[in-house]
N, C-alpha and C. Protein backbone atom coordinates (compact mmCIF):
# COMPACT_ATOMS: atom_id res chain seq x y z
N MET A 1 134.43 20.83 219.79
CA MET A 1 135.21 22.06 220.16
C MET A 1 134.30 22.89 219.85
N ASN A 2 133.41 23.12 218.38
CA ASN A 2 132.41 23.75 218.19
C ASN A 2 131.82 23.55 216.81
N GLU A 3 130.42 24.01 216.62
CA GLU A 3 130.21 23.44 215.67
C GLU A 3 129.97 24.55 214.23
N HIS A 4 131.09 25.43 214.31
CA HIS A 4 131.53 25.97 213.26
C HIS A 4 132.95 25.37 212.35
N LYS A 5 132.78 25.94 211.17
CA LYS A 5 134.00 25.51 210.34
C LYS A 5 135.04 26.48 210.52
N ALA A 6 136.46 25.59 210.81
CA ALA A 6 137.64 26.33 211.32
C ALA A 6 138.05 26.92 209.65
N ALA A 7 138.69 28.25 209.91
CA ALA A 7 138.71 29.02 209.11
C ALA A 7 140.62 28.77 208.53
N GLY A 8 140.76 28.58 207.14
CA GLY A 8 141.71 28.26 206.96
C GLY A 8 142.79 29.30 206.38
N PHE A 9 143.79 28.66 205.55
CA PHE A 9 145.28 29.63 205.49
C PHE A 9 144.54 30.89 204.69
N TRP A 10 143.94 30.76 203.67
CA TRP A 10 143.66 31.91 202.57
C TRP A 10 142.89 33.10 203.21
N ILE A 11 141.83 32.60 203.78
CA ILE A 11 141.12 33.39 204.65
C ILE A 11 141.36 34.48 205.73
N ARG A 12 142.69 33.23 206.38
CA ARG A 12 143.34 34.15 207.55
C ARG A 12 144.04 35.28 207.12
N LEU A 13 145.05 34.83 206.00
CA LEU A 13 146.02 35.63 205.16
C LEU A 13 145.27 37.03 204.99
N GLY A 14 144.05 37.19 204.25
CA GLY A 14 143.48 38.08 203.87
C GLY A 14 142.53 38.94 204.79
N SER A 15 142.70 38.42 206.18
CA SER A 15 142.21 39.18 207.10
C SER A 15 143.31 39.86 207.74
N ILE A 16 144.63 39.21 207.70
CA ILE A 16 145.58 40.00 207.92
C ILE A 16 146.30 40.92 207.15
N ILE A 17 146.15 40.59 205.95
CA ILE A 17 146.24 41.81 205.00
C ILE A 17 145.34 42.88 205.12
N ILE A 18 144.27 43.13 205.40
CA ILE A 18 143.31 44.06 205.61
C ILE A 18 143.74 44.49 207.22
N ASP A 19 143.87 43.86 208.09
CA ASP A 19 144.67 44.62 209.12
C ASP A 19 145.91 45.08 209.09
N GLY A 20 146.63 44.83 208.02
CA GLY A 20 147.97 45.33 207.89
C GLY A 20 147.81 46.94 207.33
N LEU A 21 146.73 46.89 206.40
CA LEU A 21 146.39 47.63 205.58
C LEU A 21 145.98 48.99 206.52
N LEU A 22 145.53 48.77 207.42
CA LEU A 22 145.13 49.92 208.30
C LEU A 22 146.34 50.35 209.02
N LEU A 23 147.29 50.15 209.12
CA LEU A 23 148.60 50.71 209.35
C LEU A 23 149.13 51.76 208.40
N ILE A 24 148.80 52.05 207.28
CA ILE A 24 149.52 52.77 205.93
C ILE A 24 149.16 53.99 206.58
N PRO A 25 148.11 54.34 206.98
CA PRO A 25 148.14 56.07 207.09
C PRO A 25 148.67 56.18 208.55
N LEU A 26 149.04 55.40 209.24
CA LEU A 26 149.85 55.66 210.43
C LEU A 26 151.25 56.13 210.04
N TYR A 27 152.04 55.17 208.73
CA TYR A 27 153.12 55.39 208.13
C TYR A 27 153.16 56.67 207.29
N LEU A 28 152.28 56.98 206.76
CA LEU A 28 152.02 57.91 205.89
C LEU A 28 151.98 59.47 207.24
N LEU A 29 151.23 59.44 207.76
CA LEU A 29 151.37 60.67 208.78
C LEU A 29 152.79 60.47 209.29
N CYS A 30 153.19 59.89 209.91
CA CYS A 30 154.52 59.93 210.52
C CYS A 30 155.50 60.43 209.53
N MET A 31 155.53 60.20 207.88
CA MET A 31 156.21 60.57 207.31
C MET A 31 155.90 61.86 206.98
N LEU A 32 154.52 62.44 207.00
CA LEU A 32 154.50 63.98 206.22
C LEU A 32 154.80 64.69 207.60
N ILE A 33 154.99 64.26 208.88
CA ILE A 33 155.22 65.12 209.87
C ILE A 33 156.94 65.08 210.27
N GLY A 34 157.51 64.26 209.45
CA GLY A 34 159.14 64.19 209.65
C GLY A 34 159.31 63.72 210.80
N VAL A 35 158.75 62.33 211.30
CA VAL A 35 159.03 61.16 212.43
C VAL A 35 160.21 60.32 211.60
N SER A 36 161.53 60.25 212.50
CA SER A 36 162.51 59.37 211.96
C SER A 36 161.86 58.08 211.74
N ASP A 37 162.46 57.29 210.77
CA ASP A 37 162.55 56.05 210.40
C ASP A 37 162.55 54.94 211.82
N ILE A 38 163.17 54.89 212.85
CA ILE A 38 163.13 54.13 214.08
C ILE A 38 161.92 54.64 214.61
N ALA A 39 161.90 56.07 215.08
CA ALA A 39 160.44 56.22 215.79
C ALA A 39 159.20 55.70 215.05
N THR A 40 159.04 55.78 213.93
CA THR A 40 158.02 55.34 213.21
C THR A 40 157.91 53.99 213.18
N GLU A 41 158.80 53.19 213.50
CA GLU A 41 158.46 51.70 213.57
C GLU A 41 158.33 51.44 215.04
N ILE A 42 158.74 52.11 215.72
CA ILE A 42 158.13 51.82 217.04
C ILE A 42 156.92 52.09 217.57
N PHE A 43 156.42 53.23 216.88
CA PHE A 43 155.08 54.14 217.20
C PHE A 43 154.37 52.93 216.38
N VAL A 44 154.47 52.67 215.25
CA VAL A 44 153.32 51.57 214.42
C VAL A 44 153.61 50.48 214.83
N ASN A 45 154.51 49.36 215.45
CA ASN A 45 154.61 48.38 215.91
C ASN A 45 153.95 48.62 217.14
N SER A 46 154.16 49.39 217.95
CA SER A 46 153.43 49.58 219.41
C SER A 46 151.76 49.39 219.05
N ILE A 47 151.50 50.21 218.42
CA ILE A 47 149.97 50.71 217.72
C ILE A 47 149.23 49.10 217.24
N ASN A 48 150.12 48.39 216.64
CA ASN A 48 150.01 47.11 215.79
C ASN A 48 149.80 46.01 217.26
N PHE A 49 150.88 46.01 217.87
CA PHE A 49 150.75 45.22 219.11
C PHE A 49 149.44 45.45 219.94
N LEU A 50 149.38 46.89 220.43
CA LEU A 50 148.08 46.83 221.15
C LEU A 50 146.92 46.76 220.31
N TYR A 51 146.81 46.61 218.88
CA TYR A 51 145.58 46.33 218.35
C TYR A 51 145.61 44.84 218.40
N TYR A 52 146.12 44.21 218.19
CA TYR A 52 146.18 42.30 218.20
C TYR A 52 145.79 42.06 219.54
N LEU A 53 146.64 43.04 220.71
CA LEU A 53 146.13 42.28 221.98
C LEU A 53 144.64 43.04 222.55
N ILE A 54 144.34 43.81 222.06
CA ILE A 54 143.07 44.47 222.98
C ILE A 54 141.80 44.49 221.94
N ILE A 55 141.87 44.66 220.84
CA ILE A 55 140.90 44.68 219.76
C ILE A 55 139.98 43.46 219.93
N PRO A 56 140.40 42.08 219.86
CA PRO A 56 139.73 40.80 220.05
C PRO A 56 139.17 40.67 221.25
N VAL A 57 139.53 41.25 222.43
CA VAL A 57 138.76 41.31 223.43
C VAL A 57 137.62 41.85 223.54
N ILE A 58 137.60 43.20 223.09
CA ILE A 58 136.68 44.37 223.35
C ILE A 58 135.77 43.98 221.92
N TRP A 59 136.22 43.18 221.15
CA TRP A 59 134.91 43.14 220.13
C TRP A 59 134.78 41.41 219.92
N SER A 60 134.64 40.80 220.92
CA SER A 60 134.44 39.57 220.90
C SER A 60 135.11 38.22 219.91
N GLY A 61 136.37 38.56 219.97
CA GLY A 61 137.53 37.95 219.17
C GLY A 61 137.50 37.89 217.61
N PHE A 62 136.91 39.32 216.96
CA PHE A 62 137.19 39.82 215.89
C PHE A 62 138.53 41.22 215.93
N THR A 63 139.09 41.26 214.74
CA THR A 63 139.92 42.56 214.19
C THR A 63 138.55 43.12 213.00
N VAL A 64 139.09 44.30 212.79
CA VAL A 64 138.44 44.65 211.34
C VAL A 64 138.90 43.70 210.36
N GLY A 65 140.24 43.04 210.23
CA GLY A 65 140.07 42.50 209.09
C GLY A 65 139.27 41.30 209.00
N LYS A 66 139.18 40.36 210.26
CA LYS A 66 138.72 39.36 210.82
C LYS A 66 136.83 39.51 210.58
N ARG A 67 136.29 40.45 210.73
CA ARG A 67 135.17 40.95 210.62
C ARG A 67 134.61 40.79 209.36
N VAL A 68 135.57 41.78 208.97
CA VAL A 68 135.64 41.60 206.92
C VAL A 68 135.67 40.64 206.31
N VAL A 69 135.72 39.53 206.69
CA VAL A 69 135.82 38.48 206.25
C VAL A 69 135.03 37.44 206.58
N GLY A 70 134.81 37.51 207.50
CA GLY A 70 133.49 36.52 208.15
C GLY A 70 134.18 35.79 209.62
N ILE A 71 135.44 35.98 209.70
CA ILE A 71 136.01 34.91 210.64
C ILE A 71 136.33 35.29 211.91
N LYS A 72 136.75 34.97 213.48
CA LYS A 72 136.87 35.19 214.64
C LYS A 72 137.56 34.47 215.11
N ILE A 73 138.56 34.93 216.41
CA ILE A 73 139.25 33.88 217.12
C ILE A 73 137.81 33.68 218.37
N VAL A 74 138.13 32.26 218.78
CA VAL A 74 137.46 31.82 219.73
C VAL A 74 138.01 30.96 220.71
N ARG A 75 137.90 30.79 222.14
CA ARG A 75 138.74 29.75 222.90
C ARG A 75 138.08 28.43 222.54
N THR A 76 138.79 27.41 222.59
CA THR A 76 138.31 26.20 222.32
C THR A 76 137.65 25.51 223.65
N ASP A 77 137.94 26.04 224.39
CA ASP A 77 136.92 25.55 225.89
C ASP A 77 135.60 26.40 225.95
N GLY A 78 135.20 27.20 225.25
CA GLY A 78 134.04 28.06 224.73
C GLY A 78 133.88 29.24 225.55
N LYS A 79 134.76 29.47 226.30
CA LYS A 79 134.74 30.92 227.22
C LYS A 79 134.97 31.97 226.64
N LYS A 80 135.08 33.46 226.93
CA LYS A 80 135.18 34.18 226.14
C LYS A 80 136.63 34.54 226.06
N VAL A 81 137.08 35.29 224.85
CA VAL A 81 138.63 35.40 224.45
C VAL A 81 138.73 36.75 225.34
N GLY A 82 139.91 36.53 226.46
CA GLY A 82 140.39 37.72 226.90
C GLY A 82 141.65 37.90 227.25
N ILE A 83 141.96 39.22 227.44
CA ILE A 83 143.31 39.39 227.54
C ILE A 83 144.70 38.50 227.77
N GLY A 84 144.25 37.32 228.87
CA GLY A 84 144.67 36.39 228.62
C GLY A 84 145.32 35.67 227.78
N THR A 85 144.24 35.14 227.23
CA THR A 85 144.34 34.81 225.64
C THR A 85 145.10 35.49 224.76
N THR A 86 144.94 36.63 224.52
CA THR A 86 145.29 37.47 223.64
C THR A 86 146.85 37.61 224.07
N LEU A 87 147.21 37.50 225.18
CA LEU A 87 148.76 38.12 225.40
C LEU A 87 149.45 36.72 225.12
N LYS A 88 148.81 35.42 225.75
CA LYS A 88 149.15 34.10 224.91
C LYS A 88 149.42 33.87 223.78
N ARG A 89 148.33 34.34 222.94
CA ARG A 89 148.11 34.21 221.47
C ARG A 89 149.39 34.82 220.89
N TYR A 90 149.85 36.27 221.47
CA TYR A 90 150.68 36.92 220.54
C TYR A 90 151.75 37.21 221.04
N ILE A 91 152.14 37.40 222.56
CA ILE A 91 153.30 37.32 223.02
C ILE A 91 153.92 35.86 223.20
N LEU A 92 153.85 35.10 223.84
CA LEU A 92 154.22 33.85 223.85
C LEU A 92 154.76 33.06 222.40
N ALA A 93 153.51 33.12 221.36
CA ALA A 93 153.74 33.03 220.18
C ALA A 93 154.83 33.65 219.63
N SER A 94 154.89 34.79 219.58
CA SER A 94 155.76 35.84 219.26
C SER A 94 157.36 35.22 219.74
N LEU A 95 157.27 34.67 220.62
CA LEU A 95 158.62 34.33 221.14
C LEU A 95 159.36 33.09 220.88
N VAL A 96 158.35 32.51 220.78
CA VAL A 96 158.81 30.88 219.85
C VAL A 96 158.97 31.10 218.38
N TYR A 97 158.27 32.07 217.71
CA TYR A 97 158.73 32.41 216.54
C TYR A 97 160.12 33.00 216.18
N VAL A 98 160.42 33.79 217.11
CA VAL A 98 161.84 34.59 217.22
C VAL A 98 162.94 33.52 217.61
N VAL A 99 162.79 32.83 218.57
CA VAL A 99 163.68 32.08 219.28
C VAL A 99 164.03 30.63 218.18
N THR A 100 163.03 30.12 217.12
CA THR A 100 163.11 29.49 216.40
C THR A 100 163.76 30.11 214.85
N LEU A 101 163.81 31.35 215.21
CA LEU A 101 164.29 32.07 213.52
C LEU A 101 163.12 31.85 212.77
N GLY A 102 162.19 32.31 212.85
CA GLY A 102 160.94 31.88 212.32
C GLY A 102 160.27 30.62 211.46
N ILE A 103 161.07 29.53 212.15
CA ILE A 103 161.02 28.39 211.46
C ILE A 103 159.39 27.99 212.12
N ALA A 104 159.05 28.29 213.18
CA ALA A 104 157.64 28.28 213.99
C ALA A 104 157.01 28.63 212.87
N PHE A 105 157.21 29.60 212.41
CA PHE A 105 155.84 30.42 211.68
C PHE A 105 155.84 29.83 210.24
N ILE A 106 156.63 29.44 209.98
CA ILE A 106 156.50 28.57 208.68
C ILE A 106 155.61 27.27 208.80
N ILE A 107 156.10 26.65 209.75
CA ILE A 107 155.61 25.25 210.28
C ILE A 107 153.98 25.53 210.49
N SER A 108 153.58 27.08 211.17
CA SER A 108 152.44 27.19 211.72
C SER A 108 151.44 27.36 210.34
N ALA A 109 152.15 28.34 209.57
CA ALA A 109 151.07 28.47 208.12
C ALA A 109 150.96 26.62 207.24
N PHE A 110 151.85 25.95 207.44
CA PHE A 110 151.35 24.77 206.98
C PHE A 110 150.65 23.74 207.98
N MET A 111 150.44 23.82 209.30
CA MET A 111 149.55 23.39 210.04
C MET A 111 148.03 24.27 209.85
N VAL A 112 147.82 25.44 209.65
CA VAL A 112 146.58 26.02 209.38
C VAL A 112 146.01 25.47 207.84
N GLY A 113 147.06 25.35 206.92
CA GLY A 113 146.83 24.78 205.78
C GLY A 113 146.27 22.98 205.92
N LEU A 114 147.03 22.12 206.42
CA LEU A 114 146.86 20.94 206.45
C LEU A 114 145.96 20.08 207.64
N ARG A 115 146.19 20.93 208.73
CA ARG A 115 145.31 20.50 210.12
C ARG A 115 143.96 20.57 209.71
N LYS A 116 143.13 19.52 209.97
CA LYS A 116 141.86 19.39 210.05
C LYS A 116 141.14 20.65 210.69
N ASP A 117 141.69 20.83 211.82
CA ASP A 117 140.92 21.95 212.94
C ASP A 117 141.71 23.48 212.59
N LYS A 118 142.41 23.29 211.44
CA LYS A 118 143.39 24.81 211.36
C LYS A 118 144.20 25.32 212.15
N ARG A 119 144.28 24.70 213.49
CA ARG A 119 145.52 25.67 214.33
C ARG A 119 146.64 25.69 214.03
N SER A 120 147.01 26.72 214.29
CA SER A 120 148.42 27.11 214.10
C SER A 120 149.05 26.95 215.92
N ILE A 121 150.26 27.24 215.64
CA ILE A 121 151.19 27.03 216.88
C ILE A 121 150.62 27.77 218.04
N HIS A 122 150.45 28.95 217.38
CA HIS A 122 149.62 30.63 218.05
C HIS A 122 148.42 29.89 218.95
N ASP A 123 147.77 29.04 218.20
CA ASP A 123 146.50 28.78 218.77
C ASP A 123 146.33 27.66 219.77
N LEU A 124 147.56 26.92 219.31
CA LEU A 124 147.81 25.79 220.15
C LEU A 124 148.25 26.14 221.87
N ILE A 125 148.90 27.27 221.75
CA ILE A 125 149.78 27.90 223.00
C ILE A 125 148.26 28.66 223.59
N ALA A 126 147.74 29.34 222.81
CA ALA A 126 146.78 30.07 223.54
C ALA A 126 145.15 29.03 223.93
N GLY A 127 145.04 27.93 223.40
CA GLY A 127 144.01 27.32 223.23
C GLY A 127 142.91 27.99 222.44
N THR A 128 143.03 28.71 221.37
CA THR A 128 142.09 29.02 220.34
C THR A 128 142.11 28.30 219.12
N GLN A 129 141.28 28.85 218.54
CA GLN A 129 140.46 28.58 217.24
C GLN A 129 140.50 29.62 216.33
N VAL A 130 140.33 29.52 214.98
CA VAL A 130 139.99 30.95 213.95
C VAL A 130 138.66 30.01 213.49
N ILE A 131 137.68 30.40 213.53
CA ILE A 131 136.27 29.97 212.90
C ILE A 131 135.77 31.09 212.00
N TYR A 132 134.85 30.26 211.14
CA TYR A 132 133.88 31.10 210.15
C TYR A 132 132.70 31.82 210.80
N THR A 133 132.32 32.89 211.12
CA THR A 133 131.32 33.30 211.96
C THR A 133 129.88 32.73 211.37
N SER A 134 129.42 32.22 210.23
CA SER A 134 128.32 31.71 209.89
C SER A 134 128.49 30.33 210.24
N LYS A 135 127.46 29.40 210.46
CA LYS A 135 127.50 28.24 210.89
C LYS A 135 127.69 27.38 209.34
N ASN A 136 127.63 26.05 209.33
CA ASN A 136 127.89 25.53 207.80
C ASN A 136 126.31 25.15 207.78
């Protein structure tokens, strides 16, 4: 697949937490200007969706959190991560997680923790893998 080490559960969780912290200022801004709770959720979730859809394409597989912890998304065929890849990774996988009432999400977490290649359900759907950016 590639010569880089696959990123496991904890490092990936760390990157997700960092990315999630980026949303706090948006929530606070909405609270300060008096935006309703529903409108705030729609706004912040839309920004979050666009962030995970577009940033990895523009930034060669990185999000802010992934760059900070030293991991990135790559395609298993070696091609560049594109919008089609991120659409599969986030939209199709989200549908799988919703349809299974979150059970597939839990299974994905175990997959990242237990599989040698550390690929989750959304990685398998999109043909991606999350790797460390420095070689072993």
